[in-house]
């Protein structure tokens, strides 16, 4: 484990942290809370004062408990989509709140701006993830779902490392990701609409099946 405790969080570091927390919350909120809080608690990283709450044992315990539930719920087809639907009203405001907390003490204008940034990134990643999973779940085999879920775990953990180790690289990647999400979301929702139309079409019976 690399030690970033000696690295000061300059403006780029704070911005990467705020944007990164918003982005990661859209994928894995509880993993984000637990990993960042534990890293701060163990002294591996220095968190801004506004995020010290994540290091509290009760917060770590609650985040760790929910992390375990989410880990398994996200691996089960259809249940993962139900989980995503419920968390539409949780991940997005949580991403906004975490981003704002990074700039705690910097003034209401900065906190508001970061809340907008974090909430927007959380919404983009959440709806992209939920849309992709809905399409994947149209397939009866579970292996694609498992591969997607484990892939998301790896991506989130890598992103959490990058936002502390290489904040400028993280900012560039998040900018590119925002462009990709803006392009991908309409495609995903058209795909979901096609799946729903296919499910609603009546199946041919022996009476009306073409000879």
N, C-alpha and C. Protein backbone atom coordinates (compact mmCIF):
# COMPACT_ATOMS: atom_id res chain seq x y z
N UNK A 1 0.85 -1.20 0.00
CA UNK A 1 0.00 0.00 0.00
C UNK A 1 0.87 1.23 0.00
N UNK A 2 0.67 2.13 -0.98
CA UNK A 2 1.44 3.35 -1.05
C UNK A 2 0.93 4.34 -0.02
N UNK A 3 1.85 5.13 0.55
CA UNK A 3 1.51 6.09 1.58
C UNK A 3 1.47 7.48 0.96
N UNK A 4 0.29 8.10 0.97
CA UNK A 4 0.14 9.45 0.43
C UNK A 4 -0.05 10.47 1.55
N UNK A 5 0.21 10.07 2.78
CA UNK A 5 -0.04 10.96 3.91
C UNK A 5 0.84 12.21 3.85
N UNK A 6 2.00 12.10 3.19
CA UNK A 6 2.92 13.24 3.15
C UNK A 6 2.59 14.20 2.01
N UNK A 7 1.66 13.83 1.14
CA UNK A 7 1.34 14.66 -0.01
C UNK A 7 0.25 15.67 0.35
N UNK A 8 0.53 16.98 0.20
CA UNK A 8 -0.51 17.97 0.49
C UNK A 8 -1.58 17.97 -0.59
N UNK A 9 -2.80 18.24 -0.18
CA UNK A 9 -3.90 18.32 -1.14
C UNK A 9 -4.01 19.77 -1.60
N UNK A 10 -3.45 20.07 -2.77
CA UNK A 10 -3.58 21.40 -3.35
C UNK A 10 -4.94 21.48 -4.03
N UNK A 11 -5.17 22.57 -4.79
CA UNK A 11 -6.47 22.74 -5.42
C UNK A 11 -6.78 21.59 -6.37
N UNK A 12 -5.79 21.17 -7.17
CA UNK A 12 -6.02 20.06 -8.11
C UNK A 12 -6.39 18.80 -7.35
N UNK A 13 -5.70 18.57 -6.21
CA UNK A 13 -6.00 17.39 -5.41
C UNK A 13 -7.40 17.44 -4.84
N UNK A 14 -7.82 18.61 -4.35
CA UNK A 14 -9.17 18.75 -3.81
C UNK A 14 -10.22 18.57 -4.90
N UNK A 15 -9.95 19.15 -6.08
CA UNK A 15 -10.90 19.04 -7.18
C UNK A 15 -11.02 17.59 -7.65
N UNK A 16 -9.87 16.90 -7.76
CA UNK A 16 -9.89 15.49 -8.16
C UNK A 16 -10.61 14.64 -7.12
N UNK A 17 -10.43 14.97 -5.85
CA UNK A 17 -11.10 14.23 -4.78
C UNK A 17 -12.60 14.45 -4.83
N UNK A 18 -13.03 15.70 -5.00
CA UNK A 18 -14.46 16.00 -5.06
C UNK A 18 -15.11 15.33 -6.27
N UNK A 19 -14.49 15.49 -7.43
CA UNK A 19 -15.04 14.89 -8.65
C UNK A 19 -14.98 13.37 -8.58
N UNK A 20 -13.88 12.84 -8.06
CA UNK A 20 -13.72 11.40 -7.97
C UNK A 20 -14.72 10.76 -7.02
N UNK A 21 -15.00 11.41 -5.90
CA UNK A 21 -16.00 10.86 -4.97
C UNK A 21 -17.39 10.87 -5.58
N UNK A 22 -17.70 11.94 -6.32
CA UNK A 22 -18.99 11.97 -7.00
C UNK A 22 -19.11 10.86 -8.02
N UNK A 23 -18.07 10.70 -8.83
CA UNK A 23 -18.06 9.64 -9.86
C UNK A 23 -18.19 8.26 -9.24
N UNK A 24 -17.36 7.98 -8.22
CA UNK A 24 -17.35 6.66 -7.61
C UNK A 24 -18.65 6.35 -6.89
N UNK A 25 -19.31 7.36 -6.34
CA UNK A 25 -20.58 7.14 -5.64
C UNK A 25 -21.66 6.62 -6.58
N UNK A 26 -21.59 6.99 -7.85
CA UNK A 26 -22.56 6.49 -8.81
C UNK A 26 -22.40 5.01 -9.10
N UNK A 27 -21.21 4.48 -8.88
CA UNK A 27 -20.94 3.05 -9.08
C UNK A 27 -21.11 2.28 -7.78
N UNK A 28 -20.29 2.63 -6.80
CA UNK A 28 -20.21 1.89 -5.55
C UNK A 28 -20.14 2.88 -4.39
N UNK A 29 -21.28 3.32 -3.92
CA UNK A 29 -21.31 4.33 -2.85
C UNK A 29 -20.66 3.81 -1.58
N UNK A 30 -21.04 2.61 -1.16
CA UNK A 30 -20.58 2.12 0.14
C UNK A 30 -19.11 1.70 0.10
N UNK A 31 -18.66 1.20 -1.03
CA UNK A 31 -17.23 0.92 -1.20
C UNK A 31 -16.44 2.21 -1.09
N UNK A 32 -16.95 3.26 -1.73
CA UNK A 32 -16.28 4.56 -1.69
C UNK A 32 -16.18 5.09 -0.26
N UNK A 33 -17.29 5.05 0.46
CA UNK A 33 -17.29 5.54 1.84
C UNK A 33 -16.33 4.74 2.71
N UNK A 34 -16.37 3.41 2.57
CA UNK A 34 -15.57 2.57 3.45
C UNK A 34 -14.08 2.67 3.12
N UNK A 35 -13.72 2.58 1.86
CA UNK A 35 -12.31 2.58 1.47
C UNK A 35 -11.65 3.92 1.80
N UNK A 36 -12.31 5.02 1.47
CA UNK A 36 -11.75 6.34 1.74
C UNK A 36 -11.67 6.59 3.25
N UNK A 37 -12.74 6.25 3.96
CA UNK A 37 -12.73 6.43 5.41
C UNK A 37 -11.67 5.59 6.10
N UNK A 38 -11.53 4.32 5.68
CA UNK A 38 -10.54 3.45 6.30
C UNK A 38 -9.12 3.92 5.99
N UNK A 39 -8.89 4.35 4.75
CA UNK A 39 -7.56 4.84 4.38
C UNK A 39 -7.18 6.07 5.21
N UNK A 40 -8.16 6.94 5.45
CA UNK A 40 -7.89 8.09 6.29
C UNK A 40 -7.67 7.70 7.74
N UNK A 41 -8.45 6.75 8.23
CA UNK A 41 -8.33 6.28 9.62
C UNK A 41 -6.96 5.66 9.88
N UNK A 42 -6.44 4.90 8.91
CA UNK A 42 -5.16 4.22 9.06
C UNK A 42 -3.97 5.12 8.75
N UNK A 43 -4.25 6.35 8.31
CA UNK A 43 -3.17 7.29 8.03
C UNK A 43 -2.52 7.10 6.68
N UNK A 44 -3.15 6.33 5.79
CA UNK A 44 -2.59 6.15 4.45
C UNK A 44 -2.76 7.40 3.60
N UNK A 45 -3.83 8.16 3.87
CA UNK A 45 -4.09 9.40 3.16
C UNK A 45 -4.51 10.46 4.17
N UNK A 46 -4.40 11.70 3.77
CA UNK A 46 -4.87 12.81 4.60
C UNK A 46 -6.15 13.36 3.97
N UNK A 47 -7.25 13.22 4.68
CA UNK A 47 -8.52 13.70 4.18
C UNK A 47 -8.74 15.16 4.58
N UNK A 48 -9.43 15.92 3.74
CA UNK A 48 -9.82 17.27 4.15
C UNK A 48 -10.68 17.21 5.41
N UNK A 49 -10.71 18.31 6.13
CA UNK A 49 -11.44 18.33 7.39
C UNK A 49 -12.91 17.95 7.22
N UNK A 50 -13.50 18.34 6.11
CA UNK A 50 -14.90 18.03 5.89
C UNK A 50 -15.21 16.56 5.74
N UNK A 51 -14.18 15.75 5.44
CA UNK A 51 -14.38 14.30 5.26
C UNK A 51 -13.93 13.48 6.46
N UNK A 52 -13.50 14.12 7.54
CA UNK A 52 -13.06 13.38 8.71
C UNK A 52 -14.17 12.52 9.30
N UNK A 53 -15.41 12.90 9.02
CA UNK A 53 -16.54 12.11 9.49
C UNK A 53 -16.47 10.67 8.99
N UNK A 54 -15.91 10.47 7.80
CA UNK A 54 -15.84 9.12 7.23
C UNK A 54 -14.93 8.21 8.03
N UNK A 55 -14.05 8.78 8.86
CA UNK A 55 -13.11 7.98 9.64
C UNK A 55 -13.72 7.50 10.97
N UNK A 56 -14.90 7.98 11.31
CA UNK A 56 -15.52 7.59 12.58
C UNK A 56 -15.87 6.10 12.55
N UNK A 57 -15.61 5.38 13.64
CA UNK A 57 -15.89 3.93 13.67
C UNK A 57 -17.32 3.56 13.32
N UNK A 58 -18.29 4.35 13.77
CA UNK A 58 -19.68 4.02 13.45
C UNK A 58 -19.96 4.17 11.96
N UNK A 59 -19.39 5.20 11.36
CA UNK A 59 -19.57 5.40 9.92
C UNK A 59 -18.89 4.28 9.15
N UNK A 60 -17.67 3.92 9.57
CA UNK A 60 -16.96 2.82 8.92
C UNK A 60 -17.73 1.51 9.06
N UNK A 61 -18.28 1.27 10.24
CA UNK A 61 -19.04 0.04 10.45
C UNK A 61 -20.28 -0.03 9.58
N UNK A 62 -21.02 1.07 9.51
CA UNK A 62 -22.23 1.10 8.68
C UNK A 62 -21.89 0.95 7.20
N UNK A 63 -20.83 1.67 6.76
CA UNK A 63 -20.42 1.58 5.35
C UNK A 63 -19.92 0.18 5.01
N UNK A 64 -19.18 -0.43 5.93
CA UNK A 64 -18.68 -1.79 5.69
C UNK A 64 -19.80 -2.80 5.61
N UNK A 65 -20.79 -2.66 6.48
CA UNK A 65 -21.95 -3.56 6.45
C UNK A 65 -22.71 -3.45 5.13
N UNK A 66 -22.96 -2.21 4.70
CA UNK A 66 -23.67 -2.00 3.44
C UNK A 66 -22.83 -2.41 2.24
N UNK A 67 -21.52 -2.28 2.36
CA UNK A 67 -20.63 -2.73 1.29
C UNK A 67 -20.81 -4.22 1.03
N UNK A 68 -20.87 -5.01 2.10
CA UNK A 68 -21.03 -6.46 1.96
C UNK A 68 -22.36 -6.79 1.28
N UNK A 69 -23.44 -6.11 1.72
CA UNK A 69 -24.75 -6.35 1.11
C UNK A 69 -24.72 -5.99 -0.36
N UNK A 70 -24.16 -4.82 -0.67
CA UNK A 70 -24.13 -4.37 -2.06
C UNK A 70 -23.27 -5.28 -2.93
N UNK A 71 -22.17 -5.79 -2.37
CA UNK A 71 -21.28 -6.66 -3.15
C UNK A 71 -22.03 -7.87 -3.68
N UNK A 72 -22.85 -8.50 -2.83
CA UNK A 72 -23.58 -9.68 -3.27
C UNK A 72 -24.83 -9.32 -4.08
N UNK A 73 -25.53 -8.25 -3.68
CA UNK A 73 -26.73 -7.85 -4.43
C UNK A 73 -26.37 -7.48 -5.86
N UNK A 74 -25.20 -6.90 -6.06
CA UNK A 74 -24.79 -6.46 -7.39
C UNK A 74 -24.39 -7.63 -8.29
N UNK A 75 -24.20 -8.80 -7.72
CA UNK A 75 -23.77 -9.97 -8.51
C UNK A 75 -24.94 -10.84 -8.95
N UNK A 76 -26.15 -10.54 -8.49
CA UNK A 76 -27.32 -11.37 -8.79
C UNK A 76 -28.17 -10.68 -9.85
N UNK A 77 -28.34 -11.31 -11.03
CA UNK A 77 -29.15 -10.69 -12.09
C UNK A 77 -30.55 -10.35 -11.61
N UNK A 78 -31.07 -9.25 -12.10
CA UNK A 78 -32.37 -8.67 -11.77
C UNK A 78 -32.36 -8.01 -10.39
N UNK A 79 -31.81 -8.71 -9.37
CA UNK A 79 -31.71 -8.06 -8.06
C UNK A 79 -30.82 -6.83 -8.16
N UNK A 80 -29.78 -6.90 -8.99
CA UNK A 80 -28.90 -5.74 -9.15
C UNK A 80 -29.65 -4.55 -9.73
N UNK A 81 -30.57 -4.80 -10.66
CA UNK A 81 -31.36 -3.71 -11.23
C UNK A 81 -32.34 -3.13 -10.21
N UNK A 82 -32.92 -3.98 -9.37
CA UNK A 82 -33.77 -3.48 -8.29
C UNK A 82 -32.95 -2.62 -7.33
N UNK A 83 -31.75 -3.09 -7.00
CA UNK A 83 -30.85 -2.35 -6.12
C UNK A 83 -30.50 -0.99 -6.72
N UNK A 84 -30.20 -0.98 -8.02
CA UNK A 84 -29.87 0.27 -8.70
C UNK A 84 -31.06 1.23 -8.68
N UNK A 85 -32.26 0.70 -8.90
CA UNK A 85 -33.45 1.55 -8.91
C UNK A 85 -33.66 2.22 -7.57
N UNK A 86 -33.54 1.45 -6.50
CA UNK A 86 -33.70 2.01 -5.15
C UNK A 86 -32.64 3.07 -4.88
N UNK A 87 -31.42 2.82 -5.35
CA UNK A 87 -30.31 3.72 -5.04
C UNK A 87 -30.23 4.95 -5.94
N UNK A 88 -31.20 5.08 -6.85
CA UNK A 88 -31.26 6.31 -7.64
C UNK A 88 -31.43 7.53 -6.73
N UNK A 89 -32.19 7.36 -5.66
CA UNK A 89 -32.44 8.48 -4.75
C UNK A 89 -31.41 8.53 -3.62
N UNK A 90 -30.39 7.67 -3.67
CA UNK A 90 -29.36 7.65 -2.62
C UNK A 90 -28.00 8.05 -3.17
N UNK A 91 -27.58 7.43 -4.28
CA UNK A 91 -26.24 7.65 -4.80
C UNK A 91 -26.01 9.08 -5.27
N UNK A 92 -27.00 9.65 -5.96
CA UNK A 92 -26.81 10.98 -6.54
C UNK A 92 -26.68 12.06 -5.47
N UNK A 93 -27.61 12.15 -4.51
CA UNK A 93 -27.41 13.16 -3.44
C UNK A 93 -26.19 12.87 -2.59
N UNK A 94 -25.84 11.58 -2.41
CA UNK A 94 -24.64 11.25 -1.63
C UNK A 94 -23.39 11.73 -2.36
N UNK A 95 -23.34 11.53 -3.68
CA UNK A 95 -22.21 12.02 -4.46
C UNK A 95 -22.08 13.53 -4.37
N UNK A 96 -23.22 14.23 -4.43
CA UNK A 96 -23.21 15.69 -4.30
C UNK A 96 -22.72 16.12 -2.92
N UNK A 97 -23.19 15.43 -1.87
CA UNK A 97 -22.81 15.78 -0.51
C UNK A 97 -21.32 15.54 -0.26
N UNK A 98 -20.80 14.41 -0.73
CA UNK A 98 -19.39 14.10 -0.52
C UNK A 98 -18.50 15.12 -1.23
N UNK A 99 -18.86 15.48 -2.46
CA UNK A 99 -18.07 16.47 -3.20
C UNK A 99 -18.08 17.81 -2.48
N UNK A 100 -19.23 18.21 -1.94
CA UNK A 100 -19.31 19.47 -1.21
C UNK A 100 -18.49 19.42 0.07
N UNK A 101 -18.48 18.26 0.75
CA UNK A 101 -17.74 18.11 1.99
C UNK A 101 -16.24 18.26 1.79
N UNK A 102 -15.74 17.92 0.60
CA UNK A 102 -14.31 18.08 0.31
C UNK A 102 -13.90 19.55 0.44
N UNK A 103 -14.79 20.45 0.05
CA UNK A 103 -14.50 21.88 0.09
C UNK A 103 -15.15 22.55 1.31
N UNK A 104 -15.38 21.78 2.36
CA UNK A 104 -15.92 22.35 3.58
C UNK A 104 -14.99 23.41 4.14
N UNK A 105 -15.53 24.55 4.49
CA UNK A 105 -14.71 25.65 4.99
C UNK A 105 -14.18 26.56 3.91
N UNK A 106 -14.44 26.24 2.64
CA UNK A 106 -13.95 27.05 1.53
C UNK A 106 -14.97 28.07 1.05
N UNK A 107 -16.13 28.09 1.70
CA UNK A 107 -17.16 29.04 1.30
C UNK A 107 -18.33 28.33 0.66
N UNK A 108 -19.51 28.92 0.83
CA UNK A 108 -20.73 28.30 0.32
C UNK A 108 -20.72 28.19 -1.20
N UNK A 109 -20.09 29.16 -1.88
CA UNK A 109 -20.08 29.12 -3.34
C UNK A 109 -19.29 27.93 -3.87
N UNK A 110 -18.15 27.62 -3.22
CA UNK A 110 -17.36 26.46 -3.64
C UNK A 110 -18.09 25.16 -3.33
N UNK A 111 -18.69 25.09 -2.16
CA UNK A 111 -19.42 23.88 -1.79
C UNK A 111 -20.60 23.64 -2.72
N UNK A 112 -21.28 24.70 -3.10
CA UNK A 112 -22.41 24.56 -4.03
C UNK A 112 -21.94 24.08 -5.40
N UNK A 113 -20.84 24.68 -5.87
CA UNK A 113 -20.30 24.28 -7.17
C UNK A 113 -19.87 22.81 -7.16
N UNK A 114 -19.23 22.39 -6.07
CA UNK A 114 -18.78 21.00 -6.00
C UNK A 114 -19.96 20.05 -5.85
N UNK A 115 -21.01 20.48 -5.16
CA UNK A 115 -22.20 19.64 -5.05
C UNK A 115 -22.82 19.41 -6.42
N UNK A 116 -22.85 20.46 -7.24
CA UNK A 116 -23.38 20.31 -8.60
C UNK A 116 -22.51 19.36 -9.40
N UNK A 117 -21.18 19.54 -9.30
CA UNK A 117 -20.24 18.67 -10.03
C UNK A 117 -20.36 17.22 -9.57
N UNK A 118 -20.30 17.01 -8.26
CA UNK A 118 -20.36 15.64 -7.73
C UNK A 118 -21.68 14.96 -8.01
N UNK A 119 -22.78 15.71 -7.87
CA UNK A 119 -24.09 15.13 -8.15
C UNK A 119 -24.26 14.79 -9.62
N UNK A 120 -23.74 15.63 -10.50
CA UNK A 120 -23.84 15.36 -11.94
C UNK A 120 -23.03 14.13 -12.33
N UNK A 121 -21.81 14.00 -11.80
CA UNK A 121 -20.99 12.82 -12.10
C UNK A 121 -21.62 11.56 -11.53
N UNK A 122 -22.16 11.67 -10.31
CA UNK A 122 -22.82 10.51 -9.71
C UNK A 122 -24.02 10.08 -10.54
N UNK A 123 -24.80 11.06 -11.01
CA UNK A 123 -25.97 10.75 -11.84
C UNK A 123 -25.56 10.10 -13.15
N UNK A 124 -24.51 10.64 -13.77
CA UNK A 124 -24.05 10.08 -15.05
C UNK A 124 -23.59 8.64 -14.91
N UNK A 125 -22.75 8.37 -13.91
CA UNK A 125 -22.26 6.99 -13.74
C UNK A 125 -23.37 6.06 -13.28
N UNK A 126 -24.25 6.55 -12.42
CA UNK A 126 -25.34 5.70 -11.93
C UNK A 126 -26.26 5.27 -13.07
N UNK A 127 -26.70 6.22 -13.89
CA UNK A 127 -27.64 5.88 -14.95
C UNK A 127 -26.97 5.06 -16.05
N UNK A 128 -25.68 5.30 -16.28
CA UNK A 128 -24.95 4.47 -17.25
C UNK A 128 -24.85 3.04 -16.76
N UNK A 129 -24.49 2.88 -15.48
CA UNK A 129 -24.39 1.55 -14.88
C UNK A 129 -25.74 0.84 -14.89
N UNK A 130 -26.78 1.55 -14.44
CA UNK A 130 -28.11 0.94 -14.36
C UNK A 130 -28.62 0.56 -15.75
N UNK A 131 -28.38 1.41 -16.74
CA UNK A 131 -28.83 1.11 -18.10
C UNK A 131 -28.11 -0.08 -18.69
N UNK A 132 -26.79 -0.14 -18.48
CA UNK A 132 -26.02 -1.27 -19.01
C UNK A 132 -26.45 -2.57 -18.35
N UNK A 133 -26.69 -2.53 -17.04
CA UNK A 133 -27.11 -3.74 -16.34
C UNK A 133 -28.49 -4.21 -16.79
N UNK A 134 -29.39 -3.26 -17.06
CA UNK A 134 -30.73 -3.64 -17.51
C UNK A 134 -30.66 -4.38 -18.84
N UNK A 135 -29.77 -3.94 -19.74
CA UNK A 135 -29.61 -4.62 -21.02
C UNK A 135 -28.95 -5.99 -20.82
N UNK A 136 -27.92 -6.04 -19.97
CA UNK A 136 -27.24 -7.31 -19.71
C UNK A 136 -28.20 -8.33 -19.11
N UNK A 137 -29.10 -7.87 -18.24
CA UNK A 137 -30.04 -8.79 -17.58
C UNK A 137 -31.07 -9.38 -18.53
N UNK A 138 -31.16 -8.83 -19.75
CA UNK A 138 -32.07 -9.41 -20.74
C UNK A 138 -31.56 -10.77 -21.21
N UNK A 139 -30.26 -11.03 -20.98
CA UNK A 139 -29.69 -12.33 -21.33
C UNK A 139 -29.89 -13.31 -20.18
N UNK A 140 -30.25 -14.57 -20.47
CA UNK A 140 -30.52 -15.52 -19.38
C UNK A 140 -29.27 -16.00 -18.65
N UNK A 141 -28.09 -15.90 -19.29
CA UNK A 141 -26.89 -16.41 -18.62
C UNK A 141 -26.35 -15.37 -17.63
N UNK A 142 -25.82 -15.83 -16.47
CA UNK A 142 -25.41 -14.91 -15.42
C UNK A 142 -23.96 -14.44 -15.52
N UNK A 143 -23.18 -15.02 -16.44
CA UNK A 143 -21.74 -14.77 -16.42
C UNK A 143 -21.39 -13.35 -16.87
N UNK A 144 -22.14 -12.80 -17.83
CA UNK A 144 -21.88 -11.43 -18.26
C UNK A 144 -22.14 -10.46 -17.13
N UNK A 145 -23.20 -10.72 -16.36
CA UNK A 145 -23.51 -9.87 -15.22
C UNK A 145 -22.39 -9.91 -14.19
N UNK A 146 -21.89 -11.11 -13.91
CA UNK A 146 -20.80 -11.24 -12.94
C UNK A 146 -19.54 -10.53 -13.41
N UNK A 147 -19.23 -10.68 -14.69
CA UNK A 147 -18.05 -10.03 -15.25
C UNK A 147 -18.17 -8.51 -15.16
N UNK A 148 -19.37 -7.99 -15.47
CA UNK A 148 -19.60 -6.55 -15.39
C UNK A 148 -19.47 -6.05 -13.95
N UNK A 149 -20.00 -6.81 -13.00
CA UNK A 149 -19.96 -6.39 -11.61
C UNK A 149 -18.53 -6.38 -11.07
N UNK A 150 -17.78 -7.45 -11.32
CA UNK A 150 -16.40 -7.47 -10.85
C UNK A 150 -15.56 -6.42 -11.57
N UNK A 151 -15.87 -6.17 -12.84
CA UNK A 151 -15.17 -5.11 -13.56
C UNK A 151 -15.41 -3.75 -12.93
N UNK A 152 -16.64 -3.50 -12.51
CA UNK A 152 -16.96 -2.24 -11.85
C UNK A 152 -16.21 -2.11 -10.52
N UNK A 153 -16.10 -3.22 -9.78
CA UNK A 153 -15.34 -3.20 -8.52
C UNK A 153 -13.90 -2.74 -8.78
N UNK A 154 -13.28 -3.31 -9.80
CA UNK A 154 -11.89 -2.98 -10.12
C UNK A 154 -11.76 -1.53 -10.56
N UNK A 155 -12.68 -1.08 -11.41
CA UNK A 155 -12.64 0.30 -11.92
C UNK A 155 -12.76 1.30 -10.77
N UNK A 156 -13.68 1.06 -9.85
CA UNK A 156 -13.88 1.99 -8.74
C UNK A 156 -12.65 2.04 -7.84
N UNK A 157 -12.10 0.89 -7.48
CA UNK A 157 -10.91 0.86 -6.62
C UNK A 157 -9.72 1.54 -7.30
N UNK A 158 -9.58 1.33 -8.61
CA UNK A 158 -8.51 2.00 -9.34
C UNK A 158 -8.71 3.50 -9.35
N UNK A 159 -9.96 3.94 -9.56
CA UNK A 159 -10.25 5.37 -9.55
C UNK A 159 -9.99 6.00 -8.20
N UNK A 160 -10.34 5.31 -7.11
CA UNK A 160 -10.09 5.84 -5.77
C UNK A 160 -8.60 6.00 -5.51
N UNK A 161 -7.80 5.09 -6.04
CA UNK A 161 -6.34 5.21 -5.91
C UNK A 161 -5.82 6.36 -6.74
N UNK A 162 -6.31 6.49 -7.96
CA UNK A 162 -5.82 7.52 -8.86
C UNK A 162 -6.08 8.93 -8.34
N UNK A 163 -7.23 9.15 -7.71
CA UNK A 163 -7.57 10.52 -7.31
C UNK A 163 -6.65 11.03 -6.20
N UNK A 164 -5.95 10.12 -5.50
CA UNK A 164 -4.94 10.55 -4.53
C UNK A 164 -3.53 10.49 -5.11
N UNK A 165 -3.24 9.46 -5.90
CA UNK A 165 -1.89 9.27 -6.42
C UNK A 165 -1.59 10.19 -7.60
N UNK A 166 -2.56 10.36 -8.48
CA UNK A 166 -2.35 11.14 -9.70
C UNK A 166 -3.59 12.00 -9.97
N UNK A 167 -3.79 13.07 -9.19
CA UNK A 167 -5.03 13.85 -9.32
C UNK A 167 -5.22 14.47 -10.70
N UNK A 168 -4.15 14.95 -11.34
CA UNK A 168 -4.31 15.54 -12.67
C UNK A 168 -4.76 14.49 -13.69
N UNK A 169 -4.18 13.30 -13.61
CA UNK A 169 -4.59 12.22 -14.50
C UNK A 169 -6.05 11.86 -14.25
N UNK A 170 -6.46 11.83 -13.00
CA UNK A 170 -7.85 11.52 -12.66
C UNK A 170 -8.79 12.56 -13.25
N UNK A 171 -8.41 13.84 -13.19
CA UNK A 171 -9.26 14.89 -13.73
C UNK A 171 -9.41 14.75 -15.24
N UNK A 172 -8.32 14.42 -15.92
CA UNK A 172 -8.38 14.23 -17.37
C UNK A 172 -9.27 13.05 -17.71
N UNK A 173 -9.11 11.95 -16.98
CA UNK A 173 -9.92 10.76 -17.24
C UNK A 173 -11.41 11.03 -16.97
N UNK A 174 -11.70 11.78 -15.93
CA UNK A 174 -13.10 12.09 -15.62
C UNK A 174 -13.71 12.99 -16.70
N UNK A 175 -12.91 13.90 -17.25
CA UNK A 175 -13.41 14.74 -18.34
C UNK A 175 -13.74 13.89 -19.56
N UNK A 176 -12.84 12.97 -19.89
CA UNK A 176 -13.10 12.07 -21.02
C UNK A 176 -14.30 11.18 -20.74
N UNK A 177 -14.41 10.72 -19.49
CA UNK A 177 -15.53 9.86 -19.12
C UNK A 177 -16.86 10.60 -19.25
N UNK A 178 -16.87 11.87 -18.88
CA UNK A 178 -18.10 12.65 -18.99
C UNK A 178 -18.56 12.74 -20.44
N UNK A 179 -17.59 12.89 -21.36
CA UNK A 179 -17.92 12.93 -22.78
C UNK A 179 -18.48 11.59 -23.24
N UNK A 180 -17.85 10.49 -22.79
CA UNK A 180 -18.31 9.15 -23.16
C UNK A 180 -19.71 8.89 -22.62
N UNK A 181 -19.97 9.29 -21.38
CA UNK A 181 -21.29 9.08 -20.77
C UNK A 181 -22.36 9.85 -21.54
N UNK A 182 -22.05 11.11 -21.92
CA UNK A 182 -23.02 11.90 -22.67
C UNK A 182 -23.35 11.26 -24.01
N UNK A 183 -22.37 10.57 -24.60
CA UNK A 183 -22.60 9.88 -25.88
C UNK A 183 -23.31 8.55 -25.67
N UNK A 184 -22.97 7.86 -24.56
CA UNK A 184 -23.44 6.49 -24.37
C UNK A 184 -24.85 6.40 -23.80
N UNK A 185 -25.23 7.34 -22.95
CA UNK A 185 -26.53 7.24 -22.28
C UNK A 185 -27.71 7.15 -23.25
N UNK A 186 -27.79 8.00 -24.28
CA UNK A 186 -28.92 7.85 -25.21
C UNK A 186 -28.95 6.48 -25.90
N UNK A 187 -27.78 5.93 -26.20
CA UNK A 187 -27.72 4.61 -26.83
C UNK A 187 -28.24 3.54 -25.88
N UNK A 188 -27.84 3.62 -24.62
CA UNK A 188 -28.29 2.65 -23.63
C UNK A 188 -29.80 2.70 -23.45
N UNK A 189 -30.34 3.90 -23.35
CA UNK A 189 -31.78 4.01 -23.11
C UNK A 189 -32.58 3.58 -24.32
N UNK A 190 -32.04 3.78 -25.53
CA UNK A 190 -32.72 3.24 -26.70
C UNK A 190 -32.69 1.72 -26.68
N UNK A 191 -31.57 1.16 -26.22
CA UNK A 191 -31.49 -0.29 -26.10
C UNK A 191 -32.47 -0.84 -25.09
N UNK A 192 -32.62 -0.14 -23.97
CA UNK A 192 -33.58 -0.58 -22.95
C UNK A 192 -35.00 -0.51 -23.50
N UNK A 193 -35.30 0.56 -24.23
CA UNK A 193 -36.63 0.69 -24.83
C UNK A 193 -36.90 -0.46 -25.79
N UNK A 194 -35.87 -0.86 -26.56
CA UNK A 194 -36.02 -1.99 -27.47
C UNK A 194 -36.28 -3.29 -26.73
N UNK A 195 -35.57 -3.50 -25.62
CA UNK A 195 -35.79 -4.71 -24.81
C UNK A 195 -37.20 -4.74 -24.26
N UNK A 196 -37.67 -3.59 -23.75
CA UNK A 196 -39.02 -3.53 -23.19
C UNK A 196 -40.08 -3.77 -24.26
N UNK A 197 -39.85 -3.24 -25.47
CA UNK A 197 -40.79 -3.49 -26.56
C UNK A 197 -40.83 -4.96 -26.92
N UNK A 198 -39.64 -5.59 -26.91
CA UNK A 198 -39.57 -7.02 -27.22
C UNK A 198 -40.30 -7.86 -26.21
N UNK A 199 -40.22 -7.44 -24.92
CA UNK A 199 -40.91 -8.20 -23.88
C UNK A 199 -42.42 -8.02 -23.95
N UNK A 200 -42.87 -6.87 -24.47
CA UNK A 200 -44.30 -6.60 -24.51
C UNK A 200 -44.99 -7.18 -25.74
N UNK A 201 -44.22 -7.59 -26.75
CA UNK A 201 -44.83 -8.15 -27.95
C UNK A 201 -45.43 -9.51 -27.65
N UNK A 202 -46.63 -9.83 -28.17
CA UNK A 202 -47.23 -11.14 -27.92
C UNK A 202 -46.45 -12.24 -28.63
N UNK A 203 -46.27 -13.33 -27.95
CA UNK A 203 -45.56 -14.47 -28.54
C UNK A 203 -46.48 -15.22 -29.49
N UNK A 204 -45.94 -15.72 -30.61
CA UNK A 204 -46.78 -16.47 -31.54
C UNK A 204 -47.26 -17.78 -30.92
N UNK A 205 -48.51 -18.13 -31.18
CA UNK A 205 -49.09 -19.37 -30.70
C UNK A 205 -49.25 -20.34 -31.86
N UNK A 206 -49.72 -21.52 -31.54
CA UNK A 206 -49.90 -22.54 -32.59
C UNK A 206 -50.98 -22.09 -33.57
N UNK A 207 -51.91 -21.24 -33.14
CA UNK A 207 -53.00 -20.78 -33.99
C UNK A 207 -52.53 -19.78 -35.04
N UNK A 208 -51.62 -18.81 -34.57
CA UNK A 208 -51.24 -17.76 -35.48
C UNK A 208 -49.82 -17.84 -35.97
N UNK A 209 -49.11 -18.96 -35.63
CA UNK A 209 -47.73 -19.13 -36.09
C UNK A 209 -47.76 -19.36 -37.60
N UNK A 210 -46.92 -18.68 -38.41
CA UNK A 210 -46.92 -18.84 -39.84
C UNK A 210 -46.55 -20.27 -40.23
N UNK A 211 -47.20 -20.78 -41.27
CA UNK A 211 -46.95 -22.15 -41.72
C UNK A 211 -45.63 -22.21 -42.49
